Amino acid sequence: VNLNNMLCPAVSDPFYGRWYRIWASGHQTVMTMTH
């Protein structure tokens, strides 16, 4: 089961590809630090 897209990216993910989790970790870190 793809819990929070940890297995594969969402269809609408703008960073769809094999490095999507690295991109997600980056932009979610920025969001967590600033939001």
PDB file of all heavy atoms in Angstrom:
ATOM      1  N   VAL A   1       0.858  -1.176   0.000  1.00  0.00           N
ATOM      2  CA  VAL A   1       0.000   0.000   0.000  1.00  0.00           C
ATOM      3  C   VAL A   1       0.899   1.231   0.000  1.00  0.00           C
ATOM      4  O   VAL A   1       1.816   1.338   0.819  1.00  0.00           O
ATOM      5  CB  VAL A   1      -0.940   0.021   1.225  1.00  0.00           C
ATOM      6  CG1 VAL A   1      -1.753   1.310   1.248  1.00  0.00           C
ATOM      7  CG2 VAL A   1      -1.859  -1.187   1.203  1.00  0.00           C
ATOM      8  N   ASN A   2       0.652   2.142  -0.906  1.00  0.00           N
ATOM      9  CA  ASN A   2       1.523   3.301  -1.098  1.00  0.00           C
ATOM     10  C   ASN A   2       1.226   4.381  -0.057  1.00  0.00           C
ATOM     11  O   ASN A   2       0.590   5.402  -0.355  1.00  0.00           O
ATOM     12  CB  ASN A   2       1.336   3.860  -2.508  1.00  0.00           C
ATOM     13  CG  ASN A   2       2.402   4.866  -2.870  1.00  0.00           C
ATOM     14  OD1 ASN A   2       3.485   4.885  -2.292  1.00  0.00           O
ATOM     15  ND2 ASN A   2       2.093   5.716  -3.831  1.00  0.00           N
ATOM     16  N   LEU A   3       1.702   4.143   1.165  1.00  0.00           N
ATOM     17  CA  LEU A   3       1.446   5.082   2.261  1.00  0.00           C
ATOM     18  C   LEU A   3       2.237   6.362   2.059  1.00  0.00           C
ATOM     19  O   LEU A   3       3.461   6.364   2.072  1.00  0.00           O
ATOM     20  CB  LEU A   3       1.815   4.426   3.596  1.00  0.00           C
ATOM     21  CG  LEU A   3       0.948   3.239   4.017  1.00  0.00           C
ATOM     22  CD1 LEU A   3       1.524   2.574   5.260  1.00  0.00           C
ATOM     23  CD2 LEU A   3      -0.486   3.679   4.271  1.00  0.00           C
ATOM     24  N   ASN A   4       1.501   7.449   1.883  1.00  0.00           N
ATOM     25  CA  ASN A   4       2.088   8.778   1.677  1.00  0.00           C
ATOM     26  C   ASN A   4       3.169   8.763   0.601  1.00  0.00           C
ATOM     27  O   ASN A   4       4.181   9.454   0.700  1.00  0.00           O
ATOM     28  CB  ASN A   4       2.649   9.341   2.980  1.00  0.00           C
ATOM     29  CG  ASN A   4       2.421  10.839   3.081  1.00  0.00           C
ATOM     30  OD1 ASN A   4       1.418  11.356   2.614  1.00  0.00           O
ATOM     31  ND2 ASN A   4       3.342  11.553   3.699  1.00  0.00           N
ATOM     32  N   ASN A   5       2.930   7.951  -0.441  1.00  0.00           N
ATOM     33  CA  ASN A   5       3.805   7.890  -1.623  1.00  0.00           C
ATOM     34  C   ASN A   5       5.243   7.486  -1.288  1.00  0.00           C
ATOM     35  O   ASN A   5       6.188   7.994  -1.890  1.00  0.00           O
ATOM     36  CB  ASN A   5       3.804   9.240  -2.352  1.00  0.00           C
ATOM     37  CG  ASN A   5       2.440   9.643  -2.841  1.00  0.00           C
ATOM     38  OD1 ASN A   5       1.717   8.849  -3.423  1.00  0.00           O
ATOM     39  ND2 ASN A   5       2.060  10.882  -2.577  1.00  0.00           N
ATOM     40  N   MET A   6       5.393   6.580  -0.340  1.00  0.00           N
ATOM     41  CA  MET A   6       6.731   6.090  -0.009  1.00  0.00           C
ATOM     42  C   MET A   6       7.166   4.947  -0.931  1.00  0.00           C
ATOM     43  O   MET A   6       8.350   4.615  -0.982  1.00  0.00           O
ATOM     44  CB  MET A   6       6.783   5.630   1.448  1.00  0.00           C
ATOM     45  CG  MET A   6       6.797   6.758   2.446  1.00  0.00           C
ATOM     46  SD  MET A   6       8.143   7.936   2.193  1.00  0.00           S
ATOM     47  CE  MET A   6       9.584   6.927   2.523  1.00  0.00           C
ATOM     48  N   LEU A   7       6.242   4.339  -1.646  1.00  0.00           N
ATOM     49  CA  LEU A   7       6.595   3.256  -2.568  1.00  0.00           C
ATOM     50  C   LEU A   7       6.788   3.767  -3.990  1.00  0.00           C
ATOM     51  O   LEU A   7       7.727   3.367  -4.675  1.00  0.00           O
ATOM     52  CB  LEU A   7       5.515   2.167  -2.554  1.00  0.00           C
ATOM     53  CG  LEU A   7       5.273   1.458  -1.220  1.00  0.00           C
ATOM     54  CD1 LEU A   7       4.285   0.319  -1.414  1.00  0.00           C
ATOM     55  CD2 LEU A   7       6.581   0.939  -0.631  1.00  0.00           C
ATOM     56  N   CYS A   8       5.892   4.624  -4.431  1.00  0.00           N
ATOM     57  CA  CYS A   8       5.977   5.177  -5.778  1.00  0.00           C
ATOM     58  C   CYS A   8       5.359   6.564  -5.775  1.00  0.00           C
ATOM     59  O   CYS A   8       4.557   6.888  -4.893  1.00  0.00           O
ATOM     60  CB  CYS A   8       5.281   4.266  -6.792  1.00  0.00           C
ATOM     61  SG  CYS A   8       3.499   4.057  -6.508  1.00  0.00           S
ATOM     62  N   PRO A   9       5.721   7.410  -6.745  1.00  0.00           N
ATOM     63  CA  PRO A   9       5.212   8.787  -6.742  1.00  0.00           C
ATOM     64  C   PRO A   9       3.754   8.858  -7.154  1.00  0.00           C
ATOM     65  O   PRO A   9       3.217   7.970  -7.823  1.00  0.00           O
ATOM     66  CB  PRO A   9       6.110   9.490  -7.769  1.00  0.00           C
ATOM     67  CG  PRO A   9       6.546   8.402  -8.685  1.00  0.00           C
ATOM     68  CD  PRO A   9       6.668   7.173  -7.849  1.00  0.00           C
ATOM     69  N   ALA A  10       3.105   9.928  -6.747  1.00  0.00           N
ATOM     70  CA  ALA A  10       1.743  10.182  -7.189  1.00  0.00           C
ATOM     71  C   ALA A  10       1.737  10.523  -8.673  1.00  0.00           C
ATOM     72  O   ALA A  10       2.737  11.002  -9.222  1.00  0.00           O
ATOM     73  CB  ALA A  10       1.129  11.331  -6.385  1.00  0.00           C
ATOM     74  N   VAL A  11       0.615  10.246  -9.316  1.00  0.00           N
ATOM     75  CA  VAL A  11       0.513  10.514 -10.747  1.00  0.00           C
ATOM     76  C   VAL A  11       0.735  11.995 -11.041  1.00  0.00           C
ATOM     77  O   VAL A  11       1.323  12.365 -12.062  1.00  0.00           O
ATOM     78  CB  VAL A  11      -0.860  10.047 -11.273  1.00  0.00           C
ATOM     79  CG1 VAL A  11      -1.000  10.351 -12.759  1.00  0.00           C
ATOM     80  CG2 VAL A  11      -1.061   8.569 -11.015  1.00  0.00           C
ATOM     81  N   SER A  12       0.272  12.857 -10.138  1.00  0.00           N
ATOM     82  CA  SER A  12       0.371  14.305 -10.345  1.00  0.00           C
ATOM     83  C   SER A  12       1.667  14.904  -9.810  1.00  0.00           C
ATOM     84  O   SER A  12       1.824  16.130  -9.825  1.00  0.00           O
ATOM     85  CB  SER A  12      -0.817  14.997  -9.661  1.00  0.00           C
ATOM     86  OG  SER A  12      -0.840  14.689  -8.268  1.00  0.00           O
ATOM     87  N   ASP A  13       2.589  14.079  -9.357  1.00  0.00           N
ATOM     88  CA  ASP A  13       3.844  14.576  -8.788  1.00  0.00           C
ATOM     89  C   ASP A  13       4.658  15.278  -9.876  1.00  0.00           C
ATOM     90  O   ASP A  13       5.022  14.668 -10.885  1.00  0.00           O
ATOM     91  CB  ASP A  13       4.650  13.415  -8.209  1.00  0.00           C
ATOM     92  CG  ASP A  13       5.803  13.889  -7.339  1.00  0.00           C
ATOM     93  OD1 ASP A  13       6.273  15.036  -7.524  1.00  0.00           O
ATOM     94  OD2 ASP A  13       6.250  13.115  -6.475  1.00  0.00           O
ATOM     95  N   PRO A  14       4.973  16.575  -9.699  1.00  0.00           N
ATOM     96  CA  PRO A  14       5.772  17.281 -10.715  1.00  0.00           C
ATOM     97  C   PRO A  14       7.203  16.765 -10.810  1.00  0.00           C
ATOM     98  O   PRO A  14       7.878  17.024 -11.809  1.00  0.00           O
ATOM     99  CB  PRO A  14       5.737  18.741 -10.238  1.00  0.00           C
ATOM    100  CG  PRO A  14       5.472  18.654  -8.771  1.00  0.00           C
ATOM    101  CD  PRO A  14       4.601  17.449  -8.580  1.00  0.00           C
ATOM    102  N   PHE A  15       7.663  16.041  -9.796  1.00  0.00           N
ATOM    103  CA  PHE A  15       9.015  15.482  -9.795  1.00  0.00           C
ATOM    104  C   PHE A  15       8.986  13.969 -10.028  1.00  0.00           C
ATOM    105  O   PHE A  15       9.836  13.240  -9.524  1.00  0.00           O
ATOM    106  CB  PHE A  15       9.717  15.790  -8.471  1.00  0.00           C
ATOM    107  CG  PHE A  15       9.803  17.260  -8.161  1.00  0.00           C
ATOM    108  CD1 PHE A  15       8.942  17.835  -7.234  1.00  0.00           C
ATOM    109  CD2 PHE A  15      10.730  18.069  -8.796  1.00  0.00           C
ATOM    110  CE1 PHE A  15       9.014  19.186  -6.937  1.00  0.00           C
ATOM    111  CE2 PHE A  15      10.802  19.416  -8.511  1.00  0.00           C
ATOM    112  CZ  PHE A  15       9.950  19.980  -7.582  1.00  0.00           C
ATOM    113  N   TYR A  16       7.999  13.521 -10.796  1.00  0.00           N
ATOM    114  CA  TYR A  16       7.832  12.091 -11.074  1.00  0.00           C
ATOM    115  C   TYR A  16       9.122  11.526 -11.670  1.00  0.00           C
ATOM    116  O   TYR A  16       9.661  12.049 -12.633  1.00  0.00           O
ATOM    117  CB  TYR A  16       6.669  11.892 -12.039  1.00  0.00           C
ATOM    118  CG  TYR A  16       6.224  10.450 -12.176  1.00  0.00           C
ATOM    119  CD1 TYR A  16       5.152   9.973 -11.440  1.00  0.00           C
ATOM    120  CD2 TYR A  16       6.875   9.580 -13.037  1.00  0.00           C
ATOM    121  CE1 TYR A  16       4.730   8.660 -11.552  1.00  0.00           C
ATOM    122  CE2 TYR A  16       6.464   8.268 -13.154  1.00  0.00           C
ATOM    123  CZ  TYR A  16       5.395   7.811 -12.418  1.00  0.00           C
ATOM    124  OH  TYR A  16       4.994   6.509 -12.528  1.00  0.00           O
ATOM    125  N   GLY A  17       9.588  10.440 -11.076  1.00  0.00           N
ATOM    126  CA  GLY A  17      10.823   9.805 -11.523  1.00  0.00           C
ATOM    127  C   GLY A  17      11.491   9.086 -10.373  1.00  0.00           C
ATOM    128  O   GLY A  17      10.994   9.072  -9.244  1.00  0.00           O
ATOM    129  N   ARG A  18      12.644   8.501 -10.632  1.00  0.00           N
ATOM    130  CA  ARG A  18      13.296   7.684  -9.609  1.00  0.00           C
ATOM    131  C   ARG A  18      13.832   8.514  -8.440  1.00  0.00           C
ATOM    132  O   ARG A  18      14.089   7.973  -7.365  1.00  0.00           O
ATOM    133  CB  ARG A  18      14.434   6.874 -10.222  1.00  0.00           C
ATOM    134  CG  ARG A  18      15.523   7.687 -10.857  1.00  0.00           C
ATOM    135  CD  ARG A  18      16.652   6.821 -11.355  1.00  0.00           C
ATOM    136  NE  ARG A  18      17.274   6.080 -10.272  1.00  0.00           N
ATOM    137  CZ  ARG A  18      18.432   5.412 -10.419  1.00  0.00           C
ATOM    138  NH1 ARG A  18      19.055   5.415 -11.588  1.00  0.00           N
ATOM    139  NH2 ARG A  18      18.942   4.774  -9.389  1.00  0.00           N
ATOM    140  N   TRP A  19      14.004   9.816  -8.618  1.00  0.00           N
ATOM    141  CA  TRP A  19      14.529  10.660  -7.544  1.00  0.00           C
ATOM    142  C   TRP A  19      13.423  11.449  -6.849  1.00  0.00           C
ATOM    143  O   TRP A  19      13.692  12.428  -6.164  1.00  0.00           O
ATOM    144  CB  TRP A  19      15.576  11.630  -8.096  1.00  0.00           C
ATOM    145  CG  TRP A  19      16.662  10.964  -8.871  1.00  0.00           C
ATOM    146  CD1 TRP A  19      16.892  11.067 -10.209  1.00  0.00           C
ATOM    147  CD2 TRP A  19      17.667  10.088  -8.363  1.00  0.00           C
ATOM    148  NE1 TRP A  19      17.980  10.318 -10.575  1.00  0.00           N
ATOM    149  CE2 TRP A  19      18.481   9.699  -9.454  1.00  0.00           C
ATOM    150  CE3 TRP A  19      17.969   9.590  -7.085  1.00  0.00           C
ATOM    151  CZ2 TRP A  19      19.560   8.827  -9.312  1.00  0.00           C
ATOM    152  CZ3 TRP A  19      19.048   8.716  -6.946  1.00  0.00           C
ATOM    153  CH2 TRP A  19      19.818   8.350  -8.044  1.00  0.00           C
ATOM    154  N   TYR A  20      12.191  11.035  -7.002  1.00  0.00           N
ATOM    155  CA  TYR A  20      11.071  11.825  -6.471  1.00  0.00           C
ATOM    156  C   TYR A  20      11.126  11.949  -4.955  1.00  0.00           C
ATOM    157  O   TYR A  20      10.709  12.972  -4.394  1.00  0.00           O
ATOM    158  CB  TYR A  20       9.739  11.197  -6.909  1.00  0.00           C
ATOM    159  CG  TYR A  20       9.283  10.021  -6.085  1.00  0.00           C
ATOM    160  CD1 TYR A  20       8.347  10.185  -5.065  1.00  0.00           C
ATOM    161  CD2 TYR A  20       9.781   8.749  -6.315  1.00  0.00           C
ATOM    162  CE1 TYR A  20       7.918   9.106  -4.308  1.00  0.00           C
ATOM    163  CE2 TYR A  20       9.361   7.665  -5.571  1.00  0.00           C
ATOM    164  CZ  TYR A  20       8.433   7.847  -4.568  1.00  0.00           C
ATOM    165  OH  TYR A  20       8.029   6.769  -3.802  1.00  0.00           O
ATOM    166  N   ARG A  21      11.636  10.937  -4.248  1.00  0.00           N
ATOM    167  CA  ARG A  21      11.662  11.010  -2.777  1.00  0.00           C
ATOM    168  C   ARG A  21      12.702  12.020  -2.292  1.00  0.00           C
ATOM    169  O   ARG A  21      12.510  12.660  -1.246  1.00  0.00           O
ATOM    170  CB  ARG A  21      11.942   9.633  -2.183  1.00  0.00           C
ATOM    171  CG  ARG A  21      10.897   8.596  -2.540  1.00  0.00           C
ATOM    172  CD  ARG A  21      10.820   7.468  -1.559  1.00  0.00           C
ATOM    173  NE  ARG A  21      12.081   6.775  -1.352  1.00  0.00           N
ATOM    174  CZ  ARG A  21      12.220   5.708  -0.542  1.00  0.00           C
ATOM    175  NH1 ARG A  21      11.171   5.239   0.114  1.00  0.00           N
ATOM    176  NH2 ARG A  21      13.388   5.123  -0.400  1.00  0.00           N
ATOM    177  N   ILE A  22      13.784  12.164  -3.036  1.00  0.00           N
ATOM    178  CA  ILE A  22      14.788  13.165  -2.662  1.00  0.00           C
ATOM    179  C   ILE A  22      14.225  14.569  -2.872  1.00  0.00           C
ATOM    180  O   ILE A  22      14.395  15.458  -2.026  1.00  0.00           O
ATOM    181  CB  ILE A  22      16.068  12.952  -3.489  1.00  0.00           C
ATOM    182  CG1 ILE A  22      16.699  11.597  -3.127  1.00  0.00           C
ATOM    183  CG2 ILE A  22      17.057  14.087  -3.251  1.00  0.00           C
ATOM    184  CD1 ILE A  22      17.947  11.273  -3.898  1.00  0.00           C
ATOM    185  N   TRP A  23      13.542  14.774  -4.010  1.00  0.00           N
ATOM    186  CA  TRP A  23      12.897  16.065  -4.245  1.00  0.00           C
ATOM    187  C   TRP A  23      11.863  16.350  -3.162  1.00  0.00           C
ATOM    188  O   TRP A  23      11.785  17.473  -2.645  1.00  0.00           O
ATOM    189  CB  TRP A  23      12.230  16.070  -5.621  1.00  0.00           C
ATOM    190  CG  TRP A  23      13.161  16.277  -6.766  1.00  0.00           C
ATOM    191  CD1 TRP A  23      13.595  15.340  -7.665  1.00  0.00           C
ATOM    192  CD2 TRP A  23      13.801  17.500  -7.145  1.00  0.00           C
ATOM    193  NE1 TRP A  23      14.453  15.892  -8.572  1.00  0.00           N
ATOM    194  CE2 TRP A  23      14.594  17.230  -8.284  1.00  0.00           C
ATOM    195  CE3 TRP A  23      13.768  18.800  -6.650  1.00  0.00           C
ATOM    196  CZ2 TRP A  23      15.356  18.216  -8.930  1.00  0.00           C
ATOM    197  CZ3 TRP A  23      14.526  19.784  -7.281  1.00  0.00           C
ATOM    198  CH2 TRP A  23      15.302  19.482  -8.400  1.00  0.00           C
ATOM    199  N   ALA A  24      11.054  15.341  -2.827  1.00  0.00           N
ATOM    200  CA  ALA A  24      10.008  15.529  -1.815  1.00  0.00           C
ATOM    201  C   ALA A  24      10.612  15.851  -0.453  1.00  0.00           C
ATOM    202  O   ALA A  24      10.097  16.710   0.274  1.00  0.00           O
ATOM    203  CB  ALA A  24       9.139  14.280  -1.726  1.00  0.00           C
ATOM    204  N   SER A  25      11.686  15.173  -0.101  1.00  0.00           N
ATOM    205  CA  SER A  25      12.334  15.452   1.183  1.00  0.00           C
ATOM    206  C   SER A  25      12.848  16.877   1.234  1.00  0.00           C
ATOM    207  O   SER A  25      12.802  17.531   2.286  1.00  0.00           O
ATOM    208  CB  SER A  25      13.493  14.464   1.410  1.00  0.00           C
ATOM    209  OG  SER A  25      13.029  13.132   1.448  1.00  0.00           O
ATOM    210  N   GLY A  26      13.311  17.380   0.082  1.00  0.00           N
ATOM    211  CA  GLY A  26      13.805  18.750   0.038  1.00  0.00           C
ATOM    212  C   GLY A  26      12.708  19.779   0.176  1.00  0.00           C
ATOM    213  O   GLY A  26      12.769  20.656   1.050  1.00  0.00           O
ATOM    214  N   HIS A  27      11.664  19.660  -0.655  1.00  0.00           N
ATOM    215  CA  HIS A  27      10.635  20.715  -0.595  1.00  0.00           C
ATOM    216  C   HIS A  27       9.764  20.593   0.656  1.00  0.00           C
ATOM    217  O   HIS A  27       9.247  21.589   1.156  1.00  0.00           O
ATOM    218  CB  HIS A  27       9.790  20.768  -1.867  1.00  0.00           C
ATOM    219  CG  HIS A  27       8.993  19.548  -2.189  1.00  0.00           C
ATOM    220  ND1 HIS A  27       7.940  19.096  -1.415  1.00  0.00           N
ATOM    221  CD2 HIS A  27       9.072  18.682  -3.241  1.00  0.00           C
ATOM    222  CE1 HIS A  27       7.417  18.032  -1.965  1.00  0.00           C
ATOM    223  NE2 HIS A  27       8.076  17.738  -3.061  1.00  0.00           N
ATOM    224  N   GLN A  28       9.615  19.388   1.215  1.00  0.00           N
ATOM    225  CA  GLN A  28       8.859  19.268   2.461  1.00  0.00           C
ATOM    226  C   GLN A  28       9.653  19.790   3.658  1.00  0.00           C
ATOM    227  O   GLN A  28       9.068  20.286   4.615  1.00  0.00           O
ATOM    228  CB  GLN A  28       8.453  17.812   2.688  1.00  0.00           C
ATOM    229  CG  GLN A  28       7.383  17.324   1.747  1.00  0.00           C
ATOM    230  CD  GLN A  28       6.149  18.209   1.787  1.00  0.00           C
ATOM    231  OE1 GLN A  28       5.543  18.422   2.834  1.00  0.00           O
ATOM    232  NE2 GLN A  28       5.770  18.753   0.635  1.00  0.00           N
ATOM    233  N   THR A  29      10.975  19.696   3.590  1.00  0.00           N
ATOM    234  CA  THR A  29      11.802  20.296   4.640  1.00  0.00           C
ATOM    235  C   THR A  29      11.641  21.808   4.635  1.00  0.00           C
ATOM    236  O   THR A  29      11.472  22.439   5.687  1.00  0.00           O
ATOM    237  CB  THR A  29      13.281  19.921   4.428  1.00  0.00           C
ATOM    238  OG1 THR A  29      13.438  18.506   4.571  1.00  0.00           O
ATOM    239  CG2 THR A  29      14.162  20.631   5.452  1.00  0.00           C
ATOM    240  N   VAL A  30      11.675  22.400   3.443  1.00  0.00           N
ATOM    241  CA  VAL A  30      11.497  23.848   3.332  1.00  0.00           C
ATOM    242  C   VAL A  30      10.111  24.254   3.846  1.00  0.00           C
ATOM    243  O   VAL A  30       9.969  25.237   4.590  1.00  0.00           O
ATOM    244  CB  VAL A  30      11.691  24.302   1.875  1.00  0.00           C
ATOM    245  CG1 VAL A  30      11.350  25.785   1.726  1.00  0.00           C
ATOM    246  CG2 VAL A  30      13.120  24.044   1.426  1.00  0.00           C
ATOM    247  N   MET A  31       9.087  23.481   3.471  1.00  0.00           N
ATOM    248  CA  MET A  31       7.732  23.802   3.923  1.00  0.00           C
ATOM    249  C   MET A  31       7.604  23.674   5.440  1.00  0.00           C
ATOM    250  O   MET A  31       6.979  24.516   6.094  1.00  0.00           O
ATOM    251  CB  MET A  31       6.734  22.882   3.236  1.00  0.00           C
ATOM    252  CG  MET A  31       6.501  23.198   1.772  1.00  0.00           C
ATOM    253  SD  MET A  31       5.775  24.835   1.538  1.00  0.00           S
ATOM    254  CE  MET A  31       4.205  24.618   2.359  1.00  0.00           C
ATOM    255  N   THR A  32       8.187  22.616   6.006  1.00  0.00           N
ATOM    256  CA  THR A  32       8.099  22.421   7.453  1.00  0.00           C
ATOM    257  C   THR A  32       8.815  23.534   8.204  1.00  0.00           C
ATOM    258  O   THR A  32       8.336  24.005   9.250  1.00  0.00           O
ATOM    259  CB  THR A  32       8.707  21.065   7.843  1.00  0.00           C
ATOM    260  OG1 THR A  32       8.031  20.021   7.130  1.00  0.00           O
ATOM    261  CG2 THR A  32       8.578  20.810   9.341  1.00  0.00           C
ATOM    262  N   MET A  33       9.953  23.973   7.677  1.00  0.00           N
ATOM    263  CA  MET A  33      10.741  24.997   8.350  1.00  0.00           C
ATOM    264  C   MET A  33      10.099  26.383   8.252  1.00  0.00           C
ATOM    265  O   MET A  33      10.307  27.229   9.125  1.00  0.00           O
ATOM    266  CB  MET A  33      12.149  25.053   7.739  1.00  0.00           C
ATOM    267  CG  MET A  33      12.946  23.765   7.880  1.00  0.00           C
ATOM    268  SD  MET A  33      13.437  23.382   9.570  1.00  0.00           S
ATOM    269  CE  MET A  33      14.763  24.544   9.791  1.00  0.00           C
ATOM    270  N   THR A  34       9.324  26.634   7.207  1.00  0.00           N
ATOM    271  CA  THR A  34       8.809  27.981   6.973  1.00  0.00           C
ATOM    272  C   THR A  34       7.303  28.123   7.195  1.00  0.00           C
ATOM    273  O   THR A  34       6.835  29.208   7.526  1.00  0.00           O
ATOM    274  CB  THR A  34       9.119  28.429   5.528  1.00  0.00           C
ATOM    275  OG1 THR A  34       8.523  27.502   4.595  1.00  0.00           O
ATOM    276  CG2 THR A  34      10.624  28.460   5.302  1.00  0.00           C
ATOM    277  N   HIS A  35       6.544  27.044   7.016  1.00  0.00           N
ATOM    278  CA  HIS A  35       5.096  27.160   7.060  1.00  0.00           C
ATOM    279  C   HIS A  35       4.595  27.632   8.420  1.00  0.00           C
ATOM    280  O   HIS A  35       3.751  28.536   8.516  1.00  0.00           O
ATOM    281  CB  HIS A  35       4.455  25.815   6.706  1.00  0.00           C
ATOM    282  CG  HIS A  35       2.960  25.834   6.731  1.00  0.00           C
ATOM    283  ND1 HIS A  35       2.237  25.370   7.811  1.00  0.00           N
ATOM    284  CD2 HIS A  35       2.053  26.275   5.829  1.00  0.00           C
ATOM    285  CE1 HIS A  35       0.957  25.516   7.559  1.00  0.00           C
ATOM    286  NE2 HIS A  35       0.805  26.055   6.375  1.00  0.00           N
TER     287      HIS A  35
END
